[in-house]
Structure formats: C-alpha cells, structure tokens
Amino acid sequence: MPALSVFNYFWNHQIFKMQISFAYDKKLVIQALRYHFINRFEVRLLMIVVNVFAIFAAAMFYFHKVSPFAFLVSSLLWISLMIAFWFILPNTVYKKASTFRDSFTMNFGEYRVRLENERGFTEWNWEKFSTYIESPHFIHLYFDSKSFFLVPKAAAEKNDSLNNLRKLLREKIVKKTT
C-alpha cells in the first residue's frame, strides 16, 4: 500500500470529535484582531506608558508647569496610538489576509485538526498549537505569540458543541492563557 494511501486510511479512520463549517464576518474579525493586539504584552505596556504620560501632561498643564503646546503634543500622541491599535492595525491585517474571505470546514480529530476549503486543505497536529484564548466571538488558536487562527464560536454554537470544543482544547492544548 503506498504511503499516501496509508495516510488517507488512517486519516479517514481517525475518530473525529467534531466538525464545524464557517465563514468570517468582517466586523467580528476586526474586533478579534483588536483583542489580539491589545492583549499583547508590549502593546499593553506601551498603552499604559502613554496613558500615564498623558495624565502627567494634563496635570502639569493644569498646574501651569508646561505650555499648552506640550499638552497638545501628548494628547496627539495618545490619540494617534489609540487610532493605530483600534483602527489601522486590525483593518490592515484584515485586508492583507485572504483567509478572512474564505469559507471553511474544520475537523477536530483525536490527533490533529484539519481545515478545508474549496482550494484544498491543511492539517495541524495538536502539538503545533502553543496556546489558545477566547474572545467574545472567537477562539484564537495560537501557533506562537504572533501567528494564530480564528475559530468562530458561532459555528460551534450552531452544532451545540462549543462546550465540547472548549473541553477538547483543554485536553489537547496544554498551555492556556486568559
């Protein structure tokens, strides 16, 4: 039996725990990307530093220790940072990734996850995932700190299998962050 046939035999006889089908909603993906960026340690640290700086500049302006120009510059820095992380970054990522315009079927098996669309498929062993987090509308399956795949919760809720998916992720992906 050729190697590919053996592979197909074992894949086809693998016990699938569940299957979901989905397409992405742009508004929800943008929200999930915002969640990803804001939960990154370096982004949170930068936002805290800029917010403390803005509060400090406002206090110094109130006590007439700095000129209005200095307060204006700190306010513009704060506004620019918020616009970048809230609008520019998520929309740029969305536009560059063709993934968000496809429809998928995702199979969660005992040993791997299979993602299919009309152009083909890809598979990941569970060990490929480093962690996962839940945002309001998605489960983010992380390969590393910067690469992840979004699984819409609504797709699992359609099959009443969201809790089963959570249980499977807890079993298969050892490290979970919140």
C-alpha atoms as a PDB file:
ATOM      1  CA  MET A   1       0.000   0.000   0.000  1.00  0.00           C
ATOM      2  CA  PRO A   2       1.571   3.399  -0.990  1.00  0.00           C
ATOM      3  CA  ALA A   3       2.408   5.855   1.779  1.00  0.00           C
ATOM      4  CA  LEU A   4      -0.315   8.305   0.765  1.00  0.00           C
ATOM      5  CA  SER A   5      -2.937   5.552   0.846  1.00  0.00           C
ATOM      6  CA  VAL A   6      -1.823   4.543   4.343  1.00  0.00           C
ATOM      7  CA  PHE A   7      -2.051   8.178   5.408  1.00  0.00           C
ATOM      8  CA  ASN A   8      -5.520   8.557   3.901  1.00  0.00           C
ATOM      9  CA  TYR A   9      -6.637   5.320   5.520  1.00  0.00           C
ATOM     10  CA  PHE A  10      -5.564   6.488   8.977  1.00  0.00           C
ATOM     11  CA  TRP A  11      -6.956   9.978   8.419  1.00  0.00           C
ATOM     12  CA  ASN A  12     -10.301   8.657   7.204  1.00  0.00           C
ATOM     13  CA  HIS A  13     -10.477   6.194  10.112  1.00  0.00           C
ATOM     14  CA  GLN A  14      -9.466   8.742  12.696  1.00  0.00           C
ATOM     15  CA  ILE A  15     -12.115   9.427  15.291  1.00  0.00           C
ATOM     16  CA  PHE A  16     -13.408  12.923  14.626  1.00  0.00           C
ATOM     17  CA  LYS A  17     -14.532  14.624  17.760  1.00  0.00           C
ATOM     18  CA  MET A  18     -16.402  17.335  15.847  1.00  0.00           C
ATOM     19  CA  GLN A  19     -16.773  19.238  12.611  1.00  0.00           C
ATOM     20  CA  ILE A  20     -17.762  22.863  12.101  1.00  0.00           C
ATOM     21  CA  SER A  21     -18.269  24.970   8.989  1.00  0.00           C
ATOM     22  CA  PHE A  22     -17.899  28.722   8.888  1.00  0.00           C
ATOM     23  CA  ALA A  23     -17.192  31.940   7.017  1.00  0.00           C
ATOM     24  CA  TYR A  24     -15.913  35.107   8.623  1.00  0.00           C
ATOM     25  CA  ASP A  25     -17.849  38.285   9.420  1.00  0.00           C
ATOM     26  CA  LYS A  26     -15.599  41.314   8.826  1.00  0.00           C
ATOM     27  CA  LYS A  27     -16.894  43.304  11.796  1.00  0.00           C
ATOM     28  CA  LEU A  28     -16.301  40.409  14.188  1.00  0.00           C
ATOM     29  CA  VAL A  29     -12.847  39.647  12.757  1.00  0.00           C
ATOM     30  CA  ILE A  30     -11.793  43.286  13.208  1.00  0.00           C
ATOM     31  CA  GLN A  31     -12.947  43.066  16.835  1.00  0.00           C
ATOM     32  CA  ALA A  32     -10.978  39.824  17.329  1.00  0.00           C
ATOM     33  CA  LEU A  33      -7.854  41.394  15.828  1.00  0.00           C
ATOM     34  CA  ARG A  34      -8.219  44.348  18.205  1.00  0.00           C
ATOM     35  CA  TYR A  35      -8.468  41.858  21.061  1.00  0.00           C
ATOM     36  CA  HIS A  36      -5.294  40.142  19.860  1.00  0.00           C
ATOM     37  CA  PHE A  37      -3.299  43.369  19.587  1.00  0.00           C
ATOM     38  CA  ILE A  38      -4.460  44.843  22.875  1.00  0.00           C
ATOM     39  CA  ASN A  39      -3.702  41.598  24.731  1.00  0.00           C
ATOM     40  CA  ARG A  40      -0.088  41.586  23.586  1.00  0.00           C
ATOM     41  CA  PHE A  41       2.200  42.454  26.495  1.00  0.00           C
ATOM     42  CA  GLU A  42       4.254  45.047  24.619  1.00  0.00           C
ATOM     43  CA  VAL A  43       1.145  46.829  23.338  1.00  0.00           C
ATOM     44  CA  ARG A  44      -0.437  46.935  26.800  1.00  0.00           C
ATOM     45  CA  LEU A  45       2.809  48.254  28.262  1.00  0.00           C
ATOM     46  CA  LEU A  46       3.045  50.940  25.578  1.00  0.00           C
ATOM     47  CA  MET A  47      -0.576  51.954  26.157  1.00  0.00           C
ATOM     48  CA  ILE A  48      -0.026  52.201  29.921  1.00  0.00           C
ATOM     49  CA  VAL A  49       3.097  54.322  29.479  1.00  0.00           C
ATOM     50  CA  VAL A  50       1.377  56.653  27.007  1.00  0.00           C
ATOM     51  CA  ASN A  51      -1.713  56.950  29.260  1.00  0.00           C
ATOM     52  CA  VAL A  52       0.439  57.758  32.303  1.00  0.00           C
ATOM     53  CA  PHE A  53       2.335  60.299  30.206  1.00  0.00           C
ATOM     54  CA  ALA A  54      -0.949  61.876  29.019  1.00  0.00           C
ATOM     55  CA  ILE A  55      -2.290  62.089  32.582  1.00  0.00           C
ATOM     56  CA  PHE A  56       1.005  63.550  33.777  1.00  0.00           C
ATOM     57  CA  ALA A  57       0.948  66.115  30.916  1.00  0.00           C
ATOM     58  CA  ALA A  58      -2.657  67.047  31.766  1.00  0.00           C
ATOM     59  CA  ALA A  59      -1.758  67.550  35.433  1.00  0.00           C
ATOM     60  CA  MET A  60       1.302  69.596  34.537  1.00  0.00           C
ATOM     61  CA  PHE A  61      -0.811  71.707  32.177  1.00  0.00           C
ATOM     62  CA  TYR A  62      -3.457  72.195  34.885  1.00  0.00           C
ATOM     63  CA  PHE A  63      -0.804  73.429  37.342  1.00  0.00           C
ATOM     64  CA  HIS A  64       0.713  75.681  34.639  1.00  0.00           C
ATOM     65  CA  LYS A  65       4.031  73.776  34.626  1.00  0.00           C
ATOM     66  CA  VAL A  66       4.002  73.075  30.863  1.00  0.00           C
ATOM     67  CA  SER A  67       2.846  75.053  27.872  1.00  0.00           C
ATOM     68  CA  PRO A  68      -0.373  74.256  26.025  1.00  0.00           C
ATOM     69  CA  PHE A  69       1.780  73.024  23.124  1.00  0.00           C
ATOM     70  CA  ALA A  70       3.335  70.277  25.267  1.00  0.00           C
ATOM     71  CA  PHE A  71      -0.118  69.171  26.406  1.00  0.00           C
ATOM     72  CA  LEU A  72      -1.327  69.204  22.798  1.00  0.00           C
ATOM     73  CA  VAL A  73       1.606  67.032  21.677  1.00  0.00           C
ATOM     74  CA  SER A  74       0.973  64.469  24.428  1.00  0.00           C
ATOM     75  CA  SER A  75      -2.738  64.405  23.563  1.00  0.00           C
ATOM     76  CA  LEU A  76      -1.961  63.873  19.872  1.00  0.00           C
ATOM     77  CA  LEU A  77       0.412  61.039  20.777  1.00  0.00           C
ATOM     78  CA  TRP A  78      -2.328  59.366  22.817  1.00  0.00           C
ATOM     79  CA  ILE A  79      -4.947  59.820  20.070  1.00  0.00           C
ATOM     80  CA  SER A  80      -2.535  58.520  17.401  1.00  0.00           C
ATOM     81  CA  LEU A  81      -1.769  55.412  19.423  1.00  0.00           C
ATOM     82  CA  MET A  82      -5.444  54.651  20.001  1.00  0.00           C
ATOM     83  CA  ILE A  83      -6.275  55.137  16.313  1.00  0.00           C
ATOM     84  CA  ALA A  84      -3.373  52.884  15.287  1.00  0.00           C
ATOM     85  CA  PHE A  85      -4.335  49.990  17.576  1.00  0.00           C
ATOM     86  CA  TRP A  86      -8.090  50.359  17.245  1.00  0.00           C
ATOM     87  CA  PHE A  87      -8.474  51.041  13.506  1.00  0.00           C
ATOM     88  CA  ILE A  88      -5.316  50.950  11.391  1.00  0.00           C
ATOM     89  CA  LEU A  89      -3.666  47.692  12.551  1.00  0.00           C
ATOM     90  CA  PRO A  90      -6.784  45.472  12.557  1.00  0.00           C
ATOM     91  CA  ASN A  91      -8.010  46.789   9.197  1.00  0.00           C
ATOM     92  CA  THR A  92      -4.566  46.395   7.618  1.00  0.00           C
ATOM     93  CA  VAL A  93      -4.288  42.782   8.784  1.00  0.00           C
ATOM     94  CA  TYR A  94      -7.828  42.051   7.592  1.00  0.00           C
ATOM     95  CA  LYS A  95      -7.157  43.488   4.123  1.00  0.00           C
ATOM     96  CA  LYS A  96      -3.870  41.608   3.703  1.00  0.00           C
ATOM     97  CA  ALA A  97      -5.192  38.185   4.788  1.00  0.00           C
ATOM     98  CA  SER A  98      -7.287  36.461   2.128  1.00  0.00           C
ATOM     99  CA  THR A  99      -8.192  33.825   4.743  1.00  0.00           C
ATOM    100  CA  PHE A 100     -10.959  36.031   6.109  1.00  0.00           C
ATOM    101  CA  ARG A 101     -12.806  35.991   2.771  1.00  0.00           C
ATOM    102  CA  ASP A 102     -12.976  32.168   2.522  1.00  0.00           C
ATOM    103  CA  SER A 103     -15.441  29.610   3.849  1.00  0.00           C
ATOM    104  CA  PHE A 104     -14.050  26.656   5.771  1.00  0.00           C
ATOM    105  CA  THR A 105     -14.855  23.274   7.212  1.00  0.00           C
ATOM    106  CA  MET A 106     -12.804  22.391  10.275  1.00  0.00           C
ATOM    107  CA  ASN A 107     -12.476  18.880  11.666  1.00  0.00           C
ATOM    108  CA  PHE A 108     -11.188  18.349  15.176  1.00  0.00           C
ATOM    109  CA  GLY A 109      -9.757  14.859  15.486  1.00  0.00           C
ATOM    110  CA  GLU A 110      -8.002  12.829  18.126  1.00  0.00           C
ATOM    111  CA  TYR A 111      -4.532  13.641  16.784  1.00  0.00           C
ATOM    112  CA  ARG A 112      -4.923  16.650  14.527  1.00  0.00           C
ATOM    113  CA  VAL A 113      -7.047  19.496  13.235  1.00  0.00           C
ATOM    114  CA  ARG A 114      -7.953  19.632   9.551  1.00  0.00           C
ATOM    115  CA  LEU A 115      -9.001  22.839   7.819  1.00  0.00           C
ATOM    116  CA  GLU A 116     -10.598  22.615   4.370  1.00  0.00           C
ATOM    117  CA  ASN A 117     -11.953  24.969   1.762  1.00  0.00           C
ATOM    118  CA  GLU A 118     -12.674  24.721  -1.964  1.00  0.00           C
ATOM    119  CA  ARG A 119      -8.972  25.221  -2.816  1.00  0.00           C
ATOM    120  CA  GLY A 120      -7.632  22.425  -0.621  1.00  0.00           C
ATOM    121  CA  PHE A 121      -6.822  21.593   2.968  1.00  0.00           C
ATOM    122  CA  THR A 122      -4.183  21.856   5.650  1.00  0.00           C
ATOM    123  CA  GLU A 123      -3.682  19.856   8.817  1.00  0.00           C
ATOM    124  CA  TRP A 124      -2.030  20.597  12.110  1.00  0.00           C
ATOM    125  CA  ASN A 125      -1.107  18.115  14.797  1.00  0.00           C
ATOM    126  CA  TRP A 126      -2.299  19.309  18.196  1.00  0.00           C
ATOM    127  CA  GLU A 127       1.341  19.855  19.215  1.00  0.00           C
ATOM    128  CA  LYS A 128       1.587  22.702  16.669  1.00  0.00           C
ATOM    129  CA  PHE A 129      -0.681  24.855  18.845  1.00  0.00           C
ATOM    130  CA  SER A 130       1.084  26.611  21.691  1.00  0.00           C
ATOM    131  CA  THR A 131      -1.975  28.065  23.403  1.00  0.00           C
ATOM    132  CA  TYR A 132      -5.488  29.365  22.873  1.00  0.00           C
ATOM    133  CA  ILE A 133      -7.629  32.183  24.197  1.00  0.00           C
ATOM    134  CA  GLU A 134     -11.287  33.078  23.914  1.00  0.00           C
ATOM    135  CA  SER A 135     -12.503  36.479  22.863  1.00  0.00           C
ATOM    136  CA  PRO A 136     -16.189  37.396  22.732  1.00  0.00           C
ATOM    137  CA  HIS A 137     -16.796  35.860  19.280  1.00  0.00           C
ATOM    138  CA  PHE A 138     -13.762  33.666  18.547  1.00  0.00           C
ATOM    139  CA  ILE A 139     -11.377  31.102  19.861  1.00  0.00           C
ATOM    140  CA  HIS A 140      -7.839  32.139  18.924  1.00  0.00           C
ATOM    141  CA  LEU A 141      -5.675  29.067  18.298  1.00  0.00           C
ATOM    142  CA  TYR A 142      -2.070  30.248  18.603  1.00  0.00           C
ATOM    143  CA  PHE A 143       0.855  28.596  16.841  1.00  0.00           C
ATOM    144  CA  ASP A 144       3.220  31.081  18.504  1.00  0.00           C
ATOM    145  CA  SER A 145       2.837  34.529  20.049  1.00  0.00           C
ATOM    146  CA  LYS A 146       2.169  36.198  16.681  1.00  0.00           C
ATOM    147  CA  SER A 147       0.540  33.509  14.495  1.00  0.00           C
ATOM    148  CA  PHE A 148      -2.952  32.298  15.172  1.00  0.00           C
ATOM    149  CA  PHE A 149      -6.115  31.011  13.573  1.00  0.00           C
ATOM    150  CA  LEU A 150      -9.568  32.314  14.456  1.00  0.00           C
ATOM    151  CA  VAL A 151     -12.356  29.800  15.045  1.00  0.00           C
ATOM    152  CA  PRO A 152     -15.784  31.464  15.229  1.00  0.00           C
ATOM    153  CA  LYS A 153     -17.685  30.447  18.342  1.00  0.00           C
ATOM    154  CA  ALA A 154     -20.962  30.846  16.445  1.00  0.00           C
ATOM    155  CA  ALA A 155     -20.004  27.912  14.182  1.00  0.00           C
ATOM    156  CA  ALA A 156     -19.597  25.643  17.209  1.00  0.00           C
ATOM    157  CA  GLU A 157     -22.728  27.030  18.845  1.00  0.00           C
ATOM    158  CA  LYS A 158     -24.751  26.064  15.737  1.00  0.00           C
ATOM    159  CA  ASN A 159     -23.942  22.429  16.487  1.00  0.00           C
ATOM    160  CA  ASP A 160     -24.325  22.870  20.253  1.00  0.00           C
ATOM    161  CA  SER A 161     -20.695  21.833  20.520  1.00  0.00           C
ATOM    162  CA  LEU A 162     -18.971  24.930  21.932  1.00  0.00           C
ATOM    163  CA  ASN A 163     -18.557  23.359  25.364  1.00  0.00           C
ATOM    164  CA  ASN A 164     -17.245  20.175  23.752  1.00  0.00           C
ATOM    165  CA  LEU A 165     -14.768  22.260  21.757  1.00  0.00           C
ATOM    166  CA  ARG A 166     -13.597  24.005  24.935  1.00  0.00           C
ATOM    167  CA  LYS A 167     -13.136  20.633  26.619  1.00  0.00           C
ATOM    168  CA  LEU A 168     -11.206  19.280  23.636  1.00  0.00           C
ATOM    169  CA  LEU A 169      -8.928  22.327  23.594  1.00  0.00           C
ATOM    170  CA  ARG A 170      -8.223  21.953  27.316  1.00  0.00           C
ATOM    171  CA  GLU A 171      -7.273  18.311  26.713  1.00  0.00           C
ATOM    172  CA  LYS A 172      -5.171  18.804  23.595  1.00  0.00           C
ATOM    173  CA  ILE A 173      -3.525  22.195  24.092  1.00  0.00           C
ATOM    174  CA  VAL A 174      -1.673  22.043  27.362  1.00  0.00           C
ATOM    175  CA  LYS A 175      -0.934  25.734  27.935  1.00  0.00           C
ATOM    176  CA  LYS A 176      -3.879  28.134  28.091  1.00  0.00           C
ATOM    177  CA  THR A 177      -3.675  31.879  28.662  1.00  0.00           C
ATOM    178  CA  THR A 178      -6.513  34.154  29.620  1.00  0.00           C
END
